[in-house]
Amino acid sequence: MANENNSLTTEFILIGFTDHPVLKILLFLVFFAIYLITMVGNLGLVALISMEHRLHTPMYIFLGNLALMDSCCSCAIIPKMLENFFSEGKMISLYECMAQFYFLCLAETADCFLLAAMAYDRYVAICSPLQYHTMMSKKLCIQMTIGTFIASNLHSMIHVGLLLRLTFCRSNQIDHFFCDILPLYRLSCTDPYINELMIYIFSMPIQIFTIATVLFSYICILLTIFKMTSKEGRGKAFSTCASHFLSVSIFYICLLMYIRPFEEGDKDIPVAIFYTIVIPLLNPFIYSLRNKEVINGLKKCMKNYNIVK
């Protein structure tokens, strides 16, 4: 028993991308730039929504929390990835690995709920505009946000707790750039059947509920828009939900590509890059570039800043 315990893995090696010296420098610069832009974009959006009172509406409260979770996702993955480009050992401890997966799972689960909440908000705004302030009250908005973070935390804690029951005594090399759940299953000496079962029991209902909410909301929105006689009204309605529809489409397409049978893990990395790194980079631009309220709020804040200076 002592020899078996001594062979248990407590540290992992993140294989990452490449050991080619030139490519390592190039990839480091690319991902470092992505990380800076992601953090500035998302945290800047959070700060703008916090400072600009006109953006204190349910849609932008959800958007601010989405940007916060995208920042959390980037912070969980990219700094360690950048370190490993020039780290000789590329080591990560078991508990660092669990922490990385916890924050990633937290961010991605919260994103699912927040995108569903934003879809419902657009549904109420377009399909029942006269009842909007009643149906999307500040109290309900706060309750939905708190519920999102409670559910996301519980979901993450369940999967991390189940990961800690596994023992790792085979190879300690993770063929990935972060501690994802499927590569860890492949290294486990313990049968991960219970862990996989819990993914279906806990994760699938979340995906089904959030996707169904989004689909129902947008079907109702489209039916309402097609009934409008005014071209101006149709254009305004489309512009109101275009950015969210683009964001939610990219998110769920990547999610559905990422959720595949457990045996098909050899092609995880390209999808994982888009799912965990590119989407948090794109979201601030998707919601800001063609959003007049965000642009006007940004101009106002910049103008006030210049006055103070």
Protein backbone atom coordinates (compact mmCIF):
# COMPACT_ATOMS: atom_id res chain seq x y z
CA MET A 1 0.00 0.00 0.00
CA ALA A 2 2.85 2.38 0.80
CA ASN A 3 4.39 1.84 -2.64
CA GLU A 4 1.03 2.49 -4.29
CA ASN A 5 0.55 5.71 -2.35
CA ASN A 6 4.03 6.88 -3.32
CA SER A 7 3.16 6.45 -6.99
CA LEU A 8 0.05 8.63 -6.84
CA THR A 9 0.32 11.77 -8.96
CA THR A 10 0.14 15.10 -7.12
CA GLU A 11 1.50 17.22 -9.97
CA PHE A 12 0.72 17.34 -13.67
CA ILE A 13 2.58 18.51 -16.74
CA LEU A 14 0.55 20.67 -19.12
CA ILE A 15 1.88 19.72 -22.57
CA GLY A 16 0.47 22.89 -24.14
CA PHE A 17 1.11 23.76 -27.78
CA THR A 18 4.70 23.44 -28.97
CA ASP A 19 8.35 23.36 -27.86
CA HIS A 20 9.61 25.10 -30.99
CA PRO A 21 11.46 28.22 -29.68
CA VAL A 22 10.28 30.62 -32.41
CA LEU A 23 6.69 29.41 -32.31
CA LYS A 24 6.68 29.64 -28.50
CA ILE A 25 7.61 33.33 -28.65
CA LEU A 26 5.04 34.02 -31.39
CA LEU A 27 2.25 32.21 -29.52
CA PHE A 28 3.22 33.92 -26.28
CA LEU A 29 2.89 37.36 -27.90
CA VAL A 30 -0.43 36.45 -29.55
CA PHE A 31 -2.03 35.08 -26.37
CA PHE A 32 -0.57 37.87 -24.23
CA ALA A 33 -2.16 40.44 -26.56
CA ILE A 34 -5.46 38.52 -26.46
CA TYR A 35 -5.31 38.44 -22.65
CA LEU A 36 -4.70 42.20 -22.36
CA ILE A 37 -7.46 43.07 -24.85
CA THR A 38 -9.88 40.64 -23.15
CA MET A 39 -9.26 42.04 -19.67
CA VAL A 40 -9.37 45.68 -20.77
CA GLY A 41 -12.51 45.10 -22.84
CA ASN A 42 -14.46 43.12 -20.26
CA LEU A 43 -13.41 45.00 -17.12
CA GLY A 44 -13.84 48.28 -19.00
CA LEU A 45 -17.39 47.23 -19.86
CA VAL A 46 -18.05 46.33 -16.22
CA ALA A 47 -16.71 49.72 -15.09
CA LEU A 48 -18.74 51.59 -17.72
CA ILE A 49 -21.99 49.86 -16.73
CA SER A 50 -21.25 50.56 -13.05
CA MET A 51 -20.56 54.28 -13.62
CA GLU A 52 -23.22 55.12 -16.21
CA HIS A 53 -26.67 55.28 -14.58
CA ARG A 54 -28.45 55.00 -17.93
CA LEU A 55 -27.02 51.48 -18.24
CA HIS A 56 -28.47 50.34 -14.91
CA THR A 57 -31.13 48.28 -16.66
CA PRO A 58 -31.63 44.48 -16.53
CA MET A 59 -30.01 43.88 -19.94
CA TYR A 60 -26.84 45.74 -19.01
CA ILE A 61 -26.70 44.30 -15.50
CA PHE A 62 -26.70 40.83 -17.07
CA LEU A 63 -24.14 42.02 -19.64
CA GLY A 64 -21.87 43.38 -16.90
CA ASN A 65 -21.96 40.06 -15.08
CA LEU A 66 -21.29 38.23 -18.36
CA ALA A 67 -18.21 40.42 -18.90
CA LEU A 68 -17.10 39.70 -15.33
CA MET A 69 -17.39 35.95 -15.90
CA ASP A 70 -15.50 36.22 -19.20
CA SER A 71 -12.70 37.96 -17.28
CA CYS A 72 -12.78 35.14 -14.72
CA CYS A 73 -12.49 32.55 -17.50
CA SER A 74 -9.47 34.30 -19.03
CA CYS A 75 -7.77 34.75 -15.64
CA ALA A 76 -8.23 31.06 -14.86
CA ILE A 77 -6.48 29.86 -18.02
CA ILE A 78 -4.27 32.35 -19.84
CA PRO A 79 -1.75 33.42 -17.11
CA LYS A 80 -0.71 29.81 -16.43
CA MET A 81 -0.60 29.11 -20.16
CA LEU A 82 1.69 32.12 -20.71
CA GLU A 83 3.94 31.01 -17.85
CA ASN A 84 4.27 27.53 -19.35
CA PHE A 85 5.58 28.87 -22.66
CA PHE A 86 8.89 29.59 -20.88
CA SER A 87 8.63 27.20 -17.94
CA GLU A 88 10.98 24.25 -18.15
CA GLY A 89 8.79 21.84 -16.20
CA LYS A 90 5.31 23.13 -17.16
CA MET A 91 4.14 21.76 -13.82
CA ILE A 92 0.80 22.40 -12.13
CA SER A 93 -0.15 20.92 -8.77
CA LEU A 94 -3.27 18.85 -8.24
CA TYR A 95 -4.93 21.60 -6.19
CA GLU A 96 -3.96 24.32 -8.68
CA CYS A 97 -5.49 22.08 -11.33
CA MET A 98 -8.73 21.74 -9.34
CA ALA A 99 -8.84 25.53 -8.76
CA GLN A 100 -8.34 26.22 -12.47
CA PHE A 101 -11.15 23.89 -13.43
CA TYR A 102 -13.42 25.28 -10.68
CA PHE A 103 -13.18 28.87 -11.97
CA LEU A 104 -13.55 27.76 -15.58
CA CYS A 105 -16.66 25.70 -14.75
CA LEU A 106 -18.04 28.60 -12.70
CA ALA A 107 -17.57 31.08 -15.55
CA GLU A 108 -18.98 28.85 -18.28
CA THR A 109 -22.01 27.78 -16.23
CA ALA A 110 -22.76 31.39 -15.31
CA ASP A 111 -22.45 32.35 -18.99
CA CYS A 112 -25.16 29.82 -19.88
CA PHE A 113 -27.59 31.25 -17.32
CA LEU A 114 -26.75 34.88 -18.11
CA LEU A 115 -27.23 34.42 -21.86
CA ALA A 116 -30.60 32.77 -21.16
CA ALA A 117 -31.56 35.66 -18.86
CA MET A 118 -30.56 38.17 -21.55
CA ALA A 119 -32.65 36.29 -24.12
CA TYR A 120 -35.67 36.41 -21.79
CA ASP A 121 -35.07 40.13 -21.24
CA ARG A 122 -35.13 40.74 -25.01
CA TYR A 123 -38.28 38.60 -25.29
CA VAL A 124 -40.09 40.74 -22.71
CA ALA A 125 -38.79 44.00 -24.23
CA ILE A 126 -39.99 43.16 -27.75
CA CYS A 127 -43.04 40.95 -27.14
CA SER A 128 -44.48 42.73 -24.08
CA PRO A 129 -42.99 46.26 -24.08
CA LEU A 130 -45.81 47.80 -22.02
CA GLN A 131 -45.26 45.25 -19.24
CA TYR A 132 -41.46 45.35 -19.37
CA HIS A 133 -40.88 47.23 -16.11
CA THR A 134 -43.31 44.94 -14.31
CA MET A 135 -42.05 41.66 -15.73
CA MET A 136 -38.35 42.61 -15.57
CA SER A 137 -38.30 44.49 -12.28
CA LYS A 138 -35.07 45.39 -10.51
CA LYS A 139 -35.92 42.86 -7.78
CA LEU A 140 -36.34 40.04 -10.32
CA CYS A 141 -33.12 41.03 -12.06
CA ILE A 142 -31.17 40.85 -8.78
CA GLN A 143 -32.79 37.51 -7.90
CA MET A 144 -31.87 36.05 -11.31
CA THR A 145 -28.27 37.28 -10.97
CA ILE A 146 -27.86 35.89 -7.44
CA GLY A 147 -29.50 32.63 -8.50
CA THR A 148 -27.06 32.38 -11.41
CA PHE A 149 -24.02 32.66 -9.16
CA ILE A 150 -25.40 30.26 -6.53
CA ALA A 151 -26.24 27.63 -9.15
CA SER A 152 -22.89 28.10 -10.93
CA ASN A 153 -20.93 27.77 -7.66
CA LEU A 154 -22.82 24.63 -6.65
CA HIS A 155 -22.34 23.11 -10.10
CA SER A 156 -18.59 23.80 -10.03
CA MET A 157 -18.18 22.52 -6.46
CA ILE A 158 -19.97 19.26 -7.29
CA HIS A 159 -17.65 18.47 -10.21
CA VAL A 160 -14.49 19.52 -8.36
CA GLY A 161 -15.55 17.40 -5.37
CA LEU A 162 -16.06 14.43 -7.67
CA LEU A 163 -12.66 15.01 -9.31
CA LEU A 164 -11.00 14.83 -5.88
CA ARG A 165 -12.30 11.27 -5.44
CA LEU A 166 -10.21 10.15 -8.42
CA THR A 167 -6.65 8.87 -8.04
CA PHE A 168 -4.02 9.58 -10.68
CA CYS A 169 -1.24 7.00 -10.86
CA ARG A 170 -0.61 6.69 -14.60
CA SER A 171 1.04 9.35 -16.73
CA ASN A 172 1.04 12.85 -15.26
CA GLN A 173 1.07 14.53 -18.69
CA ILE A 174 -2.10 16.40 -19.62
CA ASP A 175 -2.30 16.80 -23.39
CA HIS A 176 -3.93 20.19 -23.12
CA PHE A 177 -3.13 23.81 -22.25
CA PHE A 178 -5.27 23.81 -19.08
CA CYS A 179 -6.79 21.33 -16.63
CA ASP A 180 -9.90 20.27 -18.49
CA ILE A 181 -12.13 17.58 -17.08
CA LEU A 182 -11.89 15.04 -19.93
CA PRO A 183 -8.06 14.82 -20.04
CA LEU A 184 -8.13 14.29 -16.27
CA TYR A 185 -10.55 11.39 -16.70
CA ARG A 186 -8.11 9.75 -19.11
CA LEU A 187 -5.31 9.91 -16.53
CA SER A 188 -7.42 8.51 -13.69
CA CYS A 189 -6.75 5.09 -12.21
CA THR A 190 -10.21 5.25 -10.65
CA ASP A 191 -13.16 4.48 -12.90
CA PRO A 192 -14.65 7.92 -13.74
CA TYR A 193 -18.06 6.41 -14.52
CA ILE A 194 -19.72 8.22 -11.57
CA ASN A 195 -18.13 11.52 -12.64
CA GLU A 196 -19.37 11.08 -16.20
CA LEU A 197 -22.82 10.15 -14.93
CA MET A 198 -22.92 13.29 -12.77
CA ILE A 199 -22.05 15.40 -15.82
CA TYR A 200 -25.17 14.09 -17.55
CA ILE A 201 -27.30 14.46 -14.40
CA PHE A 202 -26.21 18.01 -13.50
CA SER A 203 -24.78 19.58 -16.66
CA MET A 204 -27.27 18.37 -19.25
CA PRO A 205 -30.35 19.85 -17.50
CA ILE A 206 -28.55 23.20 -17.33
CA GLN A 207 -27.78 23.08 -21.05
CA ILE A 208 -31.30 21.94 -21.96
CA PHE A 209 -32.95 24.60 -19.79
CA THR A 210 -30.79 27.48 -21.01
CA ILE A 211 -30.91 26.47 -24.69
CA ALA A 212 -34.69 25.98 -24.49
CA THR A 213 -35.06 29.43 -22.89
CA VAL A 214 -33.01 31.03 -25.65
CA LEU A 215 -34.85 29.19 -28.44
CA PHE A 216 -38.30 29.95 -26.99
CA SER A 217 -37.40 33.62 -26.53
CA TYR A 218 -36.10 34.07 -30.06
CA ILE A 219 -38.93 32.16 -31.71
CA CYS A 220 -41.39 34.50 -29.96
CA ILE A 221 -39.25 37.51 -30.87
CA LEU A 222 -39.14 36.54 -34.55
CA LEU A 223 -42.90 35.91 -34.66
CA THR A 224 -43.50 39.33 -33.09
CA ILE A 225 -41.12 41.06 -35.50
CA PHE A 226 -42.73 39.46 -38.57
CA LYS A 227 -46.13 40.73 -37.38
CA MET A 228 -44.86 44.33 -37.29
CA THR A 229 -46.07 46.49 -40.15
CA SER A 230 -43.50 49.24 -39.71
CA LYS A 231 -40.10 48.71 -41.35
CA GLU A 232 -38.62 51.11 -38.83
CA GLY A 233 -40.06 49.07 -35.97
CA ARG A 234 -38.68 45.85 -37.45
CA GLY A 235 -35.25 47.40 -37.90
CA LYS A 236 -35.20 48.69 -34.34
CA ALA A 237 -36.31 45.31 -32.97
CA PHE A 238 -33.65 43.46 -34.98
CA SER A 239 -30.91 45.86 -33.87
CA THR A 240 -32.03 45.48 -30.26
CA CYS A 241 -31.30 41.76 -30.16
CA ALA A 242 -28.77 41.30 -33.00
CA SER A 243 -25.65 41.53 -30.81
CA HIS A 244 -27.04 39.12 -28.23
CA PHE A 245 -28.18 36.67 -30.91
CA LEU A 246 -24.69 36.69 -32.47
CA SER A 247 -23.02 36.15 -29.09
CA VAL A 248 -25.35 33.36 -28.01
CA SER A 249 -25.03 31.63 -31.41
CA ILE A 250 -21.22 31.59 -31.24
CA PHE A 251 -21.30 30.41 -27.61
CA TYR A 252 -23.69 27.50 -28.13
CA ILE A 253 -22.15 26.37 -31.44
CA CYS A 254 -18.79 26.07 -29.67
CA LEU A 255 -20.43 24.46 -26.65
CA LEU A 256 -22.14 21.80 -28.75
CA MET A 257 -18.88 21.12 -30.60
CA TYR A 258 -17.09 20.82 -27.26
CA ILE A 259 -19.62 18.43 -25.68
CA ARG A 260 -18.83 15.22 -27.50
CA PRO A 261 -18.54 11.58 -26.45
CA PHE A 262 -15.77 11.11 -23.90
CA GLU A 263 -13.69 8.98 -26.25
CA GLU A 264 -13.27 11.74 -28.79
CA GLY A 265 -10.85 13.88 -26.82
CA ASP A 266 -7.97 14.13 -29.29
CA LYS A 267 -9.45 17.18 -31.02
CA ASP A 268 -10.39 19.17 -27.91
CA ILE A 269 -7.70 21.87 -28.16
CA PRO A 270 -8.85 23.91 -31.23
CA VAL A 271 -12.43 24.09 -29.96
CA ALA A 272 -11.22 24.78 -26.41
CA ILE A 273 -9.17 27.76 -27.65
CA PHE A 274 -12.22 29.28 -29.26
CA TYR A 275 -14.54 28.38 -26.38
CA THR A 276 -12.35 29.58 -23.50
CA ILE A 277 -10.15 32.29 -25.06
CA VAL A 278 -11.68 33.72 -28.24
CA ILE A 279 -15.30 34.09 -27.02
CA PRO A 280 -14.32 36.18 -23.95
CA LEU A 281 -12.27 38.33 -26.34
CA LEU A 282 -15.14 38.85 -28.80
CA ASN A 283 -18.04 39.51 -26.41
CA PRO A 284 -17.12 43.10 -25.39
CA PHE A 285 -16.79 44.09 -29.05
CA ILE A 286 -19.99 42.31 -30.11
CA TYR A 287 -21.98 44.19 -27.46
CA SER A 288 -20.21 47.53 -27.80
CA LEU A 289 -19.34 48.39 -31.39
CA ARG A 290 -22.92 48.73 -32.69
CA ASN A 291 -24.60 49.52 -29.37
CA LYS A 292 -25.49 53.21 -29.26
CA GLU A 293 -26.21 53.21 -25.52
CA VAL A 294 -22.80 51.73 -24.69
CA ILE A 295 -21.01 54.07 -27.12
CA ASN A 296 -22.86 57.13 -25.79
CA GLY A 297 -22.12 56.06 -22.22
CA LEU A 298 -18.44 55.66 -23.08
CA LYS A 299 -18.33 59.11 -24.73
CA LYS A 300 -20.00 60.64 -21.67
CA CYS A 301 -17.52 59.04 -19.28
CA MET A 302 -14.58 60.14 -21.42
CA LYS A 303 -15.99 63.67 -21.59
CA ASN A 304 -16.44 63.81 -17.81
CA TYR A 305 -12.92 62.49 -17.33
CA ASN A 306 -11.50 65.19 -19.58
CA ILE A 307 -13.43 67.87 -17.68
CA VAL A 308 -12.04 66.63 -14.38
CA LYS A 309 -8.51 66.62 -15.80
